């Protein structure tokens, strides 16, 4: 069996003295896992986290680990390496995809948004705001869309000051008054989205990635 696509190298872990197990976030097959032979000992064209390129995955049967052939076209991480905040964001993005996105399921919108995020970050005036938009879209793609358009209690579209941690829907000041200690205060920020991420991780029985815990 062979799959050919494009993708971003998001995770590498050693398998042997020469080979690594790689996770590549692809455009039409989601997160794919396979072996990159000779990656540990490569002197030229060494695979690096954040590289984007063409991917070929080969296996005798679909259920096998499979072997990658990865041709890097661009290193999307290179412009981020000298800025600690941008590096933190990139690491968090890749860690969340690696941890939460199911293998071999298409997440084309998230893939395109991730490419766009990595391209926008070097010139962004407020990089963490750019990242926040990406994380909100991640939540939506995972089935936890935030609805900030109207109050979940009465339907009004003004004076929306709270967010329900259970439903992810906005709540107006009047409806939320009896429950202020149980609701999140709008606007949405990284602390709020991190709480939703923590809930998803808990539901999947995994820890929140350390790369996301640090901000």
N, C-alpha and C. Protein backbone atom coordinates (compact mmCIF):
# COMPACT_ATOMS: atom_id res chain seq x y z
N UNK A 1 0.85 -1.19 0.00
CA UNK A 1 0.00 0.00 0.00
C UNK A 1 0.88 1.24 0.00
N UNK A 2 0.49 2.24 -0.77
CA UNK A 2 1.27 3.47 -0.84
C UNK A 2 0.35 4.67 -0.78
N UNK A 3 0.75 5.68 0.00
CA UNK A 3 0.03 6.95 0.09
C UNK A 3 1.02 8.06 -0.22
N UNK A 4 0.62 8.95 -1.12
CA UNK A 4 1.45 10.10 -1.46
C UNK A 4 0.69 11.38 -1.17
N UNK A 5 1.32 12.30 -0.46
CA UNK A 5 0.64 13.52 -0.04
C UNK A 5 1.69 14.57 0.31
N UNK A 6 1.28 15.64 0.98
CA UNK A 6 2.19 16.66 1.50
C UNK A 6 1.96 16.79 3.00
N UNK A 7 2.96 17.24 3.72
CA UNK A 7 2.77 17.35 5.16
C UNK A 7 3.88 18.08 5.89
N UNK A 8 3.64 18.26 7.20
CA UNK A 8 4.58 18.92 8.10
C UNK A 8 5.09 17.90 9.09
N UNK A 9 6.38 17.84 9.25
CA UNK A 9 6.98 16.93 10.23
C UNK A 9 6.81 17.54 11.62
N UNK A 10 6.00 16.89 12.48
CA UNK A 10 5.66 17.48 13.77
C UNK A 10 6.30 16.77 14.97
N UNK A 11 6.81 15.56 14.76
CA UNK A 11 7.39 14.84 15.90
C UNK A 11 8.34 13.76 15.39
N UNK A 12 9.46 13.62 16.09
CA UNK A 12 10.43 12.56 15.80
C UNK A 12 10.87 11.94 17.11
N UNK A 13 10.94 10.62 17.14
CA UNK A 13 11.54 9.96 18.31
C UNK A 13 12.43 8.82 17.83
N UNK A 14 13.57 8.62 18.49
CA UNK A 14 14.52 7.60 18.05
C UNK A 14 13.89 6.20 18.10
N UNK A 15 14.24 5.40 17.10
CA UNK A 15 13.81 4.00 17.06
C UNK A 15 15.01 3.06 17.14
N UNK A 16 16.10 3.47 16.54
CA UNK A 16 17.34 2.70 16.57
C UNK A 16 18.49 3.68 16.39
N UNK A 17 19.68 3.16 16.22
CA UNK A 17 20.82 4.04 16.03
C UNK A 17 20.71 4.84 14.74
N UNK A 18 19.96 4.34 13.77
CA UNK A 18 19.87 5.01 12.49
C UNK A 18 18.47 5.57 12.19
N UNK A 19 17.44 4.92 12.71
CA UNK A 19 16.07 5.22 12.28
C UNK A 19 15.28 5.95 13.35
N UNK A 20 14.21 6.65 12.92
CA UNK A 20 13.32 7.33 13.84
C UNK A 20 11.88 6.99 13.48
N UNK A 21 11.00 7.13 14.48
CA UNK A 21 9.56 7.09 14.24
C UNK A 21 9.11 8.54 14.09
N UNK A 22 8.44 8.83 12.99
CA UNK A 22 8.03 10.20 12.70
C UNK A 22 6.52 10.31 12.66
N UNK A 23 6.03 11.47 13.10
CA UNK A 23 4.62 11.83 12.95
C UNK A 23 4.58 13.02 11.98
N UNK A 24 3.84 12.86 10.90
CA UNK A 24 3.72 13.90 9.89
C UNK A 24 2.25 14.27 9.75
N UNK A 25 1.96 15.56 9.89
CA UNK A 25 0.59 16.06 9.75
C UNK A 25 0.37 16.37 8.28
N UNK A 26 -0.48 15.58 7.63
CA UNK A 26 -0.62 15.66 6.19
C UNK A 26 -1.89 16.40 5.77
N UNK A 27 -1.90 16.81 4.52
CA UNK A 27 -2.99 17.63 4.02
C UNK A 27 -4.30 16.87 3.89
N UNK A 28 -4.25 15.60 3.54
CA UNK A 28 -5.50 14.87 3.30
C UNK A 28 -5.63 13.56 4.06
N UNK A 29 -4.62 13.21 4.86
CA UNK A 29 -4.71 11.99 5.66
C UNK A 29 -4.46 12.24 7.14
N UNK A 30 -4.52 13.49 7.55
CA UNK A 30 -4.32 13.81 8.96
C UNK A 30 -2.93 13.42 9.44
N UNK A 31 -2.84 13.02 10.70
CA UNK A 31 -1.56 12.62 11.28
C UNK A 31 -1.23 11.20 10.84
N UNK A 32 -0.07 11.05 10.23
CA UNK A 32 0.41 9.73 9.82
C UNK A 32 1.68 9.39 10.57
N UNK A 33 1.86 8.11 10.86
CA UNK A 33 3.01 7.63 11.61
C UNK A 33 3.78 6.65 10.75
N UNK A 34 5.09 6.76 10.78
CA UNK A 34 5.91 5.82 10.03
C UNK A 34 7.37 5.96 10.41
N UNK A 35 8.17 5.11 9.82
CA UNK A 35 9.60 5.11 10.10
C UNK A 35 10.33 5.93 9.03
N UNK A 36 11.28 6.74 9.49
CA UNK A 36 12.20 7.42 8.59
C UNK A 36 13.55 6.74 8.72
N UNK A 37 13.90 5.98 7.73
CA UNK A 37 15.14 5.21 7.79
C UNK A 37 16.36 6.11 7.58
N UNK A 38 17.37 5.90 8.42
CA UNK A 38 18.63 6.63 8.29
C UNK A 38 18.59 8.06 8.77
N UNK A 39 17.46 8.49 9.40
CA UNK A 39 17.34 9.89 9.81
C UNK A 39 18.34 10.27 10.89
N UNK A 40 18.67 9.33 11.78
CA UNK A 40 19.59 9.64 12.87
C UNK A 40 21.02 9.85 12.38
N UNK A 41 21.37 9.19 11.29
CA UNK A 41 22.74 9.24 10.82
C UNK A 41 22.91 10.11 9.58
N UNK A 42 21.84 10.73 9.12
CA UNK A 42 21.91 11.53 7.90
C UNK A 42 22.81 12.75 8.11
N UNK A 43 23.71 12.98 7.17
CA UNK A 43 24.59 14.15 7.22
C UNK A 43 24.06 15.28 6.34
N UNK A 44 23.28 14.92 5.33
CA UNK A 44 22.65 15.90 4.47
C UNK A 44 21.15 15.65 4.48
N UNK A 45 20.40 16.74 4.33
CA UNK A 45 18.94 16.65 4.28
C UNK A 45 18.36 15.94 5.50
N UNK A 46 18.92 16.24 6.65
CA UNK A 46 18.46 15.62 7.90
C UNK A 46 17.04 16.10 8.22
N UNK A 47 16.11 15.19 8.49
CA UNK A 47 14.75 15.60 8.82
C UNK A 47 14.71 16.41 10.12
N UNK A 48 13.99 17.53 10.09
CA UNK A 48 13.88 18.43 11.23
C UNK A 48 12.42 18.77 11.49
N UNK A 49 12.09 18.92 12.76
CA UNK A 49 10.73 19.32 13.13
C UNK A 49 10.41 20.66 12.46
N UNK A 50 9.24 20.74 11.86
CA UNK A 50 8.82 21.97 11.22
C UNK A 50 9.05 22.01 9.73
N UNK A 51 9.70 20.99 9.19
CA UNK A 51 9.89 20.93 7.74
C UNK A 51 8.57 20.57 7.05
N UNK A 52 8.38 21.18 5.89
CA UNK A 52 7.21 20.91 5.06
C UNK A 52 7.70 20.30 3.75
N UNK A 53 6.97 19.31 3.25
CA UNK A 53 7.39 18.72 1.99
C UNK A 53 6.48 17.62 1.51
N UNK A 54 6.94 16.91 0.50
CA UNK A 54 6.18 15.80 -0.07
C UNK A 54 6.44 14.53 0.73
N UNK A 55 5.40 13.74 0.90
CA UNK A 55 5.44 12.55 1.74
C UNK A 55 4.98 11.33 0.94
N UNK A 56 5.75 10.27 1.03
CA UNK A 56 5.33 8.98 0.51
C UNK A 56 5.39 7.98 1.66
N UNK A 57 4.27 7.28 1.89
CA UNK A 57 4.18 6.29 2.97
C UNK A 57 3.92 4.94 2.33
N UNK A 58 4.74 3.97 2.68
CA UNK A 58 4.62 2.64 2.08
C UNK A 58 4.55 1.56 3.15
N UNK A 59 3.66 0.59 2.95
CA UNK A 59 3.56 -0.56 3.84
C UNK A 59 2.93 -1.71 3.06
N UNK A 60 3.21 -2.91 3.49
CA UNK A 60 2.65 -4.07 2.80
C UNK A 60 1.14 -4.13 2.99
N UNK A 61 0.69 -3.86 4.24
CA UNK A 61 -0.74 -3.79 4.52
C UNK A 61 -1.02 -2.53 5.32
N UNK A 62 -2.26 -2.09 5.32
CA UNK A 62 -2.65 -0.81 5.92
C UNK A 62 -2.33 -0.73 7.41
N UNK A 63 -2.40 -1.85 8.12
CA UNK A 63 -2.23 -1.84 9.57
C UNK A 63 -0.77 -1.81 10.03
N UNK A 64 0.17 -1.93 9.10
CA UNK A 64 1.58 -1.91 9.47
C UNK A 64 2.04 -0.49 9.76
N UNK A 65 3.20 -0.39 10.46
CA UNK A 65 3.77 0.92 10.78
C UNK A 65 4.08 1.70 9.51
N UNK A 66 4.67 1.08 8.55
CA UNK A 66 4.98 1.74 7.29
C UNK A 66 6.27 2.53 7.35
N UNK A 67 6.76 2.88 6.17
CA UNK A 67 8.02 3.62 6.03
C UNK A 67 7.75 4.88 5.23
N UNK A 68 8.30 6.00 5.72
CA UNK A 68 8.16 7.28 5.03
C UNK A 68 9.33 7.51 4.09
N UNK A 69 9.02 8.17 3.00
CA UNK A 69 10.04 8.87 2.21
C UNK A 69 9.60 10.33 2.22
N UNK A 70 10.41 11.19 2.80
CA UNK A 70 10.04 12.58 3.03
C UNK A 70 11.02 13.50 2.32
N UNK A 71 10.50 14.33 1.43
CA UNK A 71 11.33 15.28 0.70
C UNK A 71 10.97 16.69 1.18
N UNK A 72 11.87 17.28 1.98
CA UNK A 72 11.59 18.62 2.51
C UNK A 72 11.67 19.67 1.41
N UNK A 73 10.65 20.54 1.36
CA UNK A 73 10.64 21.65 0.42
C UNK A 73 10.92 22.98 1.11
N UNK A 74 10.56 23.06 2.39
CA UNK A 74 10.76 24.31 3.12
C UNK A 74 10.76 24.01 4.61
N UNK A 75 11.62 24.70 5.35
CA UNK A 75 11.63 24.57 6.80
C UNK A 75 10.81 25.72 7.40
N UNK A 76 9.57 25.43 7.75
CA UNK A 76 8.68 26.46 8.28
C UNK A 76 9.09 26.94 9.65
N UNK A 77 9.94 26.16 10.34
CA UNK A 77 10.36 26.54 11.69
C UNK A 77 11.55 27.48 11.69
N UNK A 78 12.28 27.56 10.60
CA UNK A 78 13.52 28.34 10.57
C UNK A 78 13.32 29.80 10.99
N UNK A 79 12.29 30.51 10.49
CA UNK A 79 12.11 31.92 10.88
C UNK A 79 11.70 32.11 12.34
N UNK A 80 11.35 31.02 13.02
CA UNK A 80 10.84 31.11 14.40
C UNK A 80 11.92 30.83 15.44
N UNK A 81 13.03 30.26 15.02
CA UNK A 81 14.00 29.69 15.95
C UNK A 81 14.68 30.73 16.86
N UNK A 82 14.82 31.95 16.41
CA UNK A 82 15.54 32.96 17.18
C UNK A 82 14.63 33.77 18.10
N UNK A 83 13.35 33.44 18.11
CA UNK A 83 12.39 34.14 18.97
C UNK A 83 11.77 33.12 19.92
N UNK A 84 12.02 33.28 21.21
CA UNK A 84 11.58 32.29 22.18
C UNK A 84 10.06 32.13 22.22
N UNK A 85 9.32 33.23 22.11
CA UNK A 85 7.85 33.15 22.14
C UNK A 85 7.32 32.40 20.92
N UNK A 86 7.90 32.68 19.75
CA UNK A 86 7.44 32.01 18.54
C UNK A 86 7.77 30.52 18.59
N UNK A 87 8.91 30.20 19.17
CA UNK A 87 9.29 28.79 19.31
C UNK A 87 8.35 28.07 20.26
N UNK A 88 7.96 28.73 21.35
CA UNK A 88 7.00 28.15 22.28
C UNK A 88 5.67 27.86 21.59
N UNK A 89 5.22 28.80 20.78
CA UNK A 89 3.96 28.63 20.07
C UNK A 89 4.04 27.45 19.11
N UNK A 90 5.11 27.39 18.32
CA UNK A 90 5.27 26.28 17.38
C UNK A 90 5.27 24.94 18.10
N UNK A 91 6.01 24.86 19.20
CA UNK A 91 6.07 23.61 19.95
C UNK A 91 4.71 23.22 20.50
N UNK A 92 3.94 24.21 20.96
CA UNK A 92 2.60 23.93 21.47
C UNK A 92 1.68 23.43 20.36
N UNK A 93 1.75 24.06 19.20
CA UNK A 93 0.93 23.65 18.05
C UNK A 93 1.20 22.20 17.69
N UNK A 94 2.47 21.86 17.53
CA UNK A 94 2.82 20.50 17.13
C UNK A 94 2.47 19.49 18.22
N UNK A 95 2.68 19.87 19.49
CA UNK A 95 2.38 18.96 20.60
C UNK A 95 0.89 18.67 20.70
N UNK A 96 0.06 19.70 20.48
CA UNK A 96 -1.39 19.49 20.56
C UNK A 96 -1.89 18.64 19.39
N UNK A 97 -1.35 18.87 18.21
CA UNK A 97 -1.74 18.03 17.07
C UNK A 97 -1.32 16.59 17.32
N UNK A 98 -0.10 16.41 17.78
CA UNK A 98 0.43 15.06 18.06
C UNK A 98 -0.42 14.35 19.12
N UNK A 99 -0.86 15.09 20.14
CA UNK A 99 -1.57 14.49 21.27
C UNK A 99 -3.05 14.27 21.00
N UNK A 100 -3.70 15.21 20.31
CA UNK A 100 -5.16 15.21 20.26
C UNK A 100 -5.77 14.84 18.91
N UNK A 101 -5.05 15.02 17.83
CA UNK A 101 -5.64 14.75 16.52
C UNK A 101 -5.51 13.26 16.21
N UNK A 102 -6.62 12.58 15.95
CA UNK A 102 -6.58 11.13 15.68
C UNK A 102 -5.75 10.83 14.42
N UNK A 103 -5.10 9.69 14.43
CA UNK A 103 -4.30 9.29 13.29
C UNK A 103 -5.19 8.93 12.09
N UNK A 104 -4.70 9.29 10.92
CA UNK A 104 -5.29 8.89 9.63
C UNK A 104 -6.73 9.38 9.46
N UNK A 105 -7.06 10.51 10.09
CA UNK A 105 -8.36 11.15 9.86
C UNK A 105 -8.10 12.54 9.30
N UNK A 106 -8.79 12.88 8.23
CA UNK A 106 -8.53 14.14 7.55
C UNK A 106 -8.98 15.34 8.39
N UNK A 107 -8.07 16.28 8.57
CA UNK A 107 -8.35 17.55 9.22
C UNK A 107 -7.80 18.65 8.32
N UNK A 108 -8.37 18.73 7.11
CA UNK A 108 -7.82 19.61 6.08
C UNK A 108 -7.84 21.07 6.50
N UNK A 109 -8.94 21.52 7.13
CA UNK A 109 -9.02 22.93 7.55
C UNK A 109 -7.94 23.23 8.58
N UNK A 110 -7.77 22.35 9.55
CA UNK A 110 -6.76 22.57 10.57
C UNK A 110 -5.36 22.55 9.96
N UNK A 111 -5.16 21.68 9.00
CA UNK A 111 -3.86 21.61 8.32
C UNK A 111 -3.56 22.94 7.61
N UNK A 112 -4.51 23.44 6.85
CA UNK A 112 -4.30 24.70 6.14
C UNK A 112 -4.10 25.86 7.12
N UNK A 113 -4.85 25.83 8.22
CA UNK A 113 -4.72 26.91 9.21
C UNK A 113 -3.36 26.83 9.91
N UNK A 114 -2.85 25.62 10.09
CA UNK A 114 -1.54 25.45 10.73
C UNK A 114 -0.43 25.99 9.83
N UNK A 115 -0.51 25.69 8.53
CA UNK A 115 0.45 26.25 7.58
C UNK A 115 0.40 27.77 7.62
N UNK A 116 -0.79 28.32 7.60
CA UNK A 116 -0.96 29.77 7.62
C UNK A 116 -0.40 30.37 8.91
N UNK A 117 -0.65 29.72 10.04
CA UNK A 117 -0.14 30.20 11.33
C UNK A 117 1.39 30.30 11.30
N UNK A 118 2.04 29.24 10.86
CA UNK A 118 3.50 29.22 10.84
C UNK A 118 4.06 30.28 9.90
N UNK A 119 3.34 30.58 8.84
CA UNK A 119 3.78 31.62 7.91
C UNK A 119 3.54 33.03 8.45
N UNK A 120 2.49 33.19 9.26
CA UNK A 120 2.14 34.51 9.79
C UNK A 120 2.97 34.91 11.01
N UNK A 121 3.38 33.93 11.80
CA UNK A 121 4.01 34.24 13.09
C UNK A 121 5.22 35.17 13.01
N UNK A 122 6.15 35.00 12.07
CA UNK A 122 7.34 35.86 12.09
C UNK A 122 7.04 37.35 11.99
N UNK A 123 5.94 37.72 11.32
CA UNK A 123 5.61 39.13 11.12
C UNK A 123 4.44 39.59 11.98
N UNK A 124 3.96 38.74 12.86
CA UNK A 124 2.77 39.08 13.66
C UNK A 124 3.11 40.09 14.76
N UNK A 125 2.26 41.11 14.91
CA UNK A 125 2.44 42.08 15.99
C UNK A 125 2.10 41.45 17.35
N UNK A 126 1.11 40.58 17.36
CA UNK A 126 0.69 39.91 18.60
C UNK A 126 0.62 38.40 18.33
N UNK A 127 1.76 37.71 18.36
CA UNK A 127 1.79 36.30 17.98
C UNK A 127 0.89 35.41 18.83
N UNK A 128 0.74 35.73 20.12
CA UNK A 128 -0.11 34.89 20.96
C UNK A 128 -1.59 35.07 20.60
N UNK A 129 -1.96 36.24 20.06
CA UNK A 129 -3.33 36.41 19.57
C UNK A 129 -3.56 35.56 18.32
N UNK A 130 -2.54 35.48 17.47
CA UNK A 130 -2.63 34.63 16.28
C UNK A 130 -2.77 33.17 16.71
N UNK A 131 -1.98 32.80 17.71
CA UNK A 131 -2.06 31.42 18.22
C UNK A 131 -3.42 31.14 18.85
N UNK A 132 -3.97 32.11 19.58
CA UNK A 132 -5.28 31.92 20.22
C UNK A 132 -6.34 31.58 19.18
N UNK A 133 -6.32 32.27 18.05
CA UNK A 133 -7.29 31.99 16.99
C UNK A 133 -7.11 30.56 16.48
N UNK A 134 -5.85 30.13 16.35
CA UNK A 134 -5.59 28.76 15.91
C UNK A 134 -6.13 27.75 16.93
N UNK A 135 -5.91 28.01 18.22
CA UNK A 135 -6.35 27.05 19.23
C UNK A 135 -7.87 26.98 19.31
N UNK A 136 -8.56 28.12 19.10
CA UNK A 136 -10.02 28.11 19.06
C UNK A 136 -10.50 27.24 17.89
N UNK A 137 -9.81 27.34 16.76
CA UNK A 137 -10.18 26.52 15.61
C UNK A 137 -9.87 25.04 15.85
N UNK A 138 -8.78 24.77 16.57
CA UNK A 138 -8.49 23.38 16.96
C UNK A 138 -9.63 22.82 17.79
N UNK A 139 -10.09 23.58 18.78
CA UNK A 139 -11.21 23.12 19.61
C UNK A 139 -12.43 22.83 18.75
N UNK A 140 -12.70 23.71 17.79
CA UNK A 140 -13.86 23.52 16.91
C UNK A 140 -13.72 22.24 16.10
N UNK A 141 -12.54 22.02 15.54
CA UNK A 141 -12.33 20.83 14.72
C UNK A 141 -12.41 19.54 15.53
N UNK A 142 -12.14 19.64 16.83
CA UNK A 142 -12.21 18.46 17.69
C UNK A 142 -13.61 18.27 18.28
N UNK A 143 -14.54 19.14 17.89
CA UNK A 143 -15.92 19.00 18.35
C UNK A 143 -16.27 19.84 19.56
N UNK A 144 -15.46 20.85 19.85
CA UNK A 144 -15.70 21.71 21.02
C UNK A 144 -15.74 23.17 20.58
N UNK A 145 -16.58 23.45 19.59
CA UNK A 145 -16.67 24.81 19.05
C UNK A 145 -17.23 25.77 20.10
N UNK A 146 -16.61 26.94 20.19
CA UNK A 146 -17.11 27.99 21.08
C UNK A 146 -18.12 28.84 20.32
N UNK A 147 -19.28 29.08 20.95
CA UNK A 147 -20.32 29.89 20.32
C UNK A 147 -20.46 31.19 21.11
N UNK A 148 -19.96 32.27 20.52
CA UNK A 148 -19.98 33.57 21.19
C UNK A 148 -21.00 34.51 20.56
N UNK A 149 -21.94 33.97 19.79
CA UNK A 149 -22.86 34.81 19.03
C UNK A 149 -24.09 35.24 19.82
N UNK A 150 -24.52 34.41 20.77
CA UNK A 150 -25.73 34.75 21.52
C UNK A 150 -25.73 34.02 22.85
N UNK A 151 -26.55 34.49 23.77
CA UNK A 151 -26.64 33.90 25.10
C UNK A 151 -27.31 32.53 25.02
N UNK A 152 -26.70 31.56 25.66
CA UNK A 152 -27.27 30.21 25.66
C UNK A 152 -28.53 30.12 26.51
N UNK A 153 -28.74 31.11 27.39
CA UNK A 153 -29.91 31.07 28.25
C UNK A 153 -31.13 31.76 27.66
N UNK A 154 -30.94 32.97 27.09
CA UNK A 154 -32.09 33.73 26.62
C UNK A 154 -32.01 34.11 25.15
N UNK A 155 -30.89 33.90 24.53
CA UNK A 155 -30.76 34.18 23.10
C UNK A 155 -30.36 35.58 22.74
N UNK A 156 -30.20 36.48 23.70
CA UNK A 156 -29.82 37.85 23.38
C UNK A 156 -28.39 37.89 22.83
N UNK A 157 -28.14 38.89 22.02
CA UNK A 157 -26.84 38.98 21.36
C UNK A 157 -25.95 40.09 21.92
N UNK A 158 -26.45 40.80 22.93
CA UNK A 158 -25.66 41.87 23.53
C UNK A 158 -25.37 41.55 24.99
N UNK A 159 -24.42 42.28 25.56
CA UNK A 159 -24.06 42.12 26.97
C UNK A 159 -23.62 40.69 27.30
N UNK A 160 -22.90 40.09 26.37
CA UNK A 160 -22.38 38.74 26.58
C UNK A 160 -21.05 38.84 27.33
N UNK A 161 -21.05 38.43 28.56
CA UNK A 161 -19.86 38.64 29.40
C UNK A 161 -19.28 37.35 29.97
N UNK A 162 -19.98 36.23 29.77
CA UNK A 162 -19.51 34.96 30.34
C UNK A 162 -19.47 33.87 29.26
N UNK A 163 -18.78 32.80 29.60
CA UNK A 163 -18.71 31.62 28.75
C UNK A 163 -18.91 30.39 29.61
N UNK A 164 -19.80 29.50 29.18
CA UNK A 164 -20.06 28.29 29.94
C UNK A 164 -18.95 27.27 29.71
N UNK A 165 -18.33 26.76 30.79
CA UNK A 165 -17.29 25.74 30.63
C UNK A 165 -17.84 24.40 30.18
N UNK A 166 -19.14 24.18 30.35
CA UNK A 166 -19.75 22.91 29.97
C UNK A 166 -20.14 22.88 28.49
N UNK A 167 -20.69 23.98 28.00
CA UNK A 167 -21.21 24.00 26.63
C UNK A 167 -20.34 24.80 25.67
N UNK A 168 -19.48 25.66 26.18
CA UNK A 168 -18.68 26.52 25.31
C UNK A 168 -19.50 27.62 24.67
N UNK A 169 -20.65 27.93 25.24
CA UNK A 169 -21.54 28.96 24.69
C UNK A 169 -21.54 30.19 25.58
N UNK A 170 -21.77 31.34 24.95
CA UNK A 170 -21.78 32.60 25.67
C UNK A 170 -22.99 32.70 26.59
N UNK A 171 -22.84 33.51 27.64
CA UNK A 171 -23.93 33.74 28.59
C UNK A 171 -23.95 35.25 28.88
N UNK A 172 -25.14 35.84 28.87
CA UNK A 172 -25.25 37.28 29.12
C UNK A 172 -25.14 37.56 30.62
N UNK A 173 -25.00 38.81 30.95
CA UNK A 173 -24.79 39.21 32.35
C UNK A 173 -25.97 38.81 33.22
N UNK A 174 -27.19 38.98 32.71
CA UNK A 174 -28.37 38.67 33.53
C UNK A 174 -28.48 37.18 33.79
N UNK A 175 -28.33 36.36 32.76
CA UNK A 175 -28.46 34.91 32.93
C UNK A 175 -27.30 34.34 33.75
N UNK A 176 -26.15 34.96 33.64
CA UNK A 176 -24.98 34.43 34.33
C UNK A 176 -24.82 34.91 35.76
N UNK A 177 -25.61 35.91 36.16
CA UNK A 177 -25.44 36.51 37.48
C UNK A 177 -25.46 35.49 38.63
N UNK A 178 -26.36 34.50 38.62
CA UNK A 178 -26.37 33.54 39.75
C UNK A 178 -25.21 32.53 39.72
N UNK A 179 -24.45 32.50 38.61
CA UNK A 179 -23.44 31.45 38.45
C UNK A 179 -22.05 32.01 38.15
N UNK A 180 -21.79 33.21 38.58
CA UNK A 180 -20.53 33.87 38.20
C UNK A 180 -19.30 33.08 38.64
N UNK A 181 -19.43 32.32 39.73
CA UNK A 181 -18.28 31.56 40.22
C UNK A 181 -18.03 30.29 39.40
N UNK A 182 -18.97 29.95 38.52
CA UNK A 182 -18.85 28.73 37.72
C UNK A 182 -18.60 29.01 36.24
N UNK A 183 -18.66 30.27 35.84
CA UNK A 183 -18.52 30.64 34.45
C UNK A 183 -17.18 31.31 34.19
N UNK A 184 -16.72 31.24 32.94
CA UNK A 184 -15.51 31.95 32.54
C UNK A 184 -15.90 33.37 32.10
N UNK A 185 -15.03 34.30 32.40
CA UNK A 185 -15.29 35.70 32.02
C UNK A 185 -14.72 35.95 30.62
N UNK A 186 -15.56 36.49 29.75
CA UNK A 186 -15.12 36.87 28.41
C UNK A 186 -14.31 38.16 28.48
N UNK A 187 -13.42 38.42 27.51
CA UNK A 187 -13.23 37.68 26.26
C UNK A 187 -12.42 36.41 26.44
N UNK A 188 -12.49 35.55 25.46
CA UNK A 188 -11.73 34.31 25.48
C UNK A 188 -10.24 34.63 25.45
N UNK A 189 -9.49 33.95 26.30
CA UNK A 189 -8.04 34.12 26.32
C UNK A 189 -7.38 32.75 26.39
N UNK A 190 -6.06 32.73 26.45
CA UNK A 190 -5.33 31.46 26.42
C UNK A 190 -5.56 30.62 27.67
N UNK A 191 -5.85 31.27 28.80
CA UNK A 191 -6.16 30.49 30.00
C UNK A 191 -7.49 29.74 29.84
N UNK A 192 -8.45 30.39 29.20
CA UNK A 192 -9.74 29.74 28.97
C UNK A 192 -9.61 28.58 28.00
N UNK A 193 -8.95 28.81 26.87
CA UNK A 193 -8.81 27.71 25.90
C UNK A 193 -7.98 26.57 26.48
N UNK A 194 -7.01 26.90 27.34
CA UNK A 194 -6.22 25.83 27.96
C UNK A 194 -7.09 24.96 28.84
N UNK A 195 -8.09 25.54 29.48
CA UNK A 195 -9.00 24.74 30.29
C UNK A 195 -9.82 23.78 29.44
N UNK A 196 -10.25 24.24 28.28
CA UNK A 196 -10.96 23.34 27.37
C UNK A 196 -10.04 22.24 26.85
N UNK A 197 -8.80 22.61 26.52
CA UNK A 197 -7.82 21.62 26.08
C UNK A 197 -7.59 20.59 27.18
N UNK A 198 -7.51 21.05 28.43
CA UNK A 198 -7.31 20.13 29.56
C UNK A 198 -8.47 19.15 29.67
N UNK A 199 -9.69 19.65 29.43
CA UNK A 199 -10.86 18.77 29.49
C UNK A 199 -10.83 17.71 28.40
N UNK A 200 -10.39 18.09 27.20
CA UNK A 200 -10.29 17.12 26.11
C UNK A 200 -9.24 16.07 26.44
N UNK A 201 -8.10 16.54 26.95
CA UNK A 201 -7.03 15.60 27.32
C UNK A 201 -7.50 14.63 28.39
N UNK A 202 -8.22 15.14 29.38
CA UNK A 202 -8.75 14.29 30.44
C UNK A 202 -9.69 13.24 29.85
N UNK A 203 -10.54 13.64 28.92
CA UNK A 203 -11.46 12.71 28.30
C UNK A 203 -10.77 11.64 27.48
N UNK A 204 -9.60 11.96 26.94
CA UNK A 204 -8.85 11.00 26.15
C UNK A 204 -7.84 10.22 26.98
N UNK A 205 -7.74 10.56 28.26
CA UNK A 205 -6.82 9.84 29.13
C UNK A 205 -5.36 10.17 28.89
N UNK A 206 -5.08 11.41 28.44
CA UNK A 206 -3.71 11.82 28.20
C UNK A 206 -3.43 13.11 28.97
N UNK A 207 -2.16 13.40 29.17
CA UNK A 207 -1.77 14.62 29.86
C UNK A 207 -1.74 15.80 28.88
N UNK A 208 -1.99 16.98 29.41
CA UNK A 208 -1.80 18.19 28.61
C UNK A 208 -0.32 18.29 28.26
N UNK A 209 0.02 18.47 27.00
CA UNK A 209 1.43 18.54 26.62
C UNK A 209 2.17 19.64 27.39
N UNK A 210 3.38 19.35 27.83
CA UNK A 210 4.16 20.32 28.57
C UNK A 210 4.37 21.60 27.77
N UNK A 211 4.47 21.47 26.46
CA UNK A 211 4.67 22.64 25.61
C UNK A 211 3.49 23.61 25.70
N UNK A 212 2.29 23.09 26.04
CA UNK A 212 1.13 23.96 26.19
C UNK A 212 0.97 24.45 27.62
N UNK A 213 1.51 23.76 28.57
CA UNK A 213 1.37 24.15 29.98
C UNK A 213 2.16 25.41 30.32
N UNK A 214 3.20 25.71 29.54
CA UNK A 214 4.13 26.77 29.95
C UNK A 214 3.65 28.16 29.63
N UNK A 215 2.49 28.29 28.96
CA UNK A 215 1.95 29.66 28.77
C UNK A 215 0.43 29.60 28.77
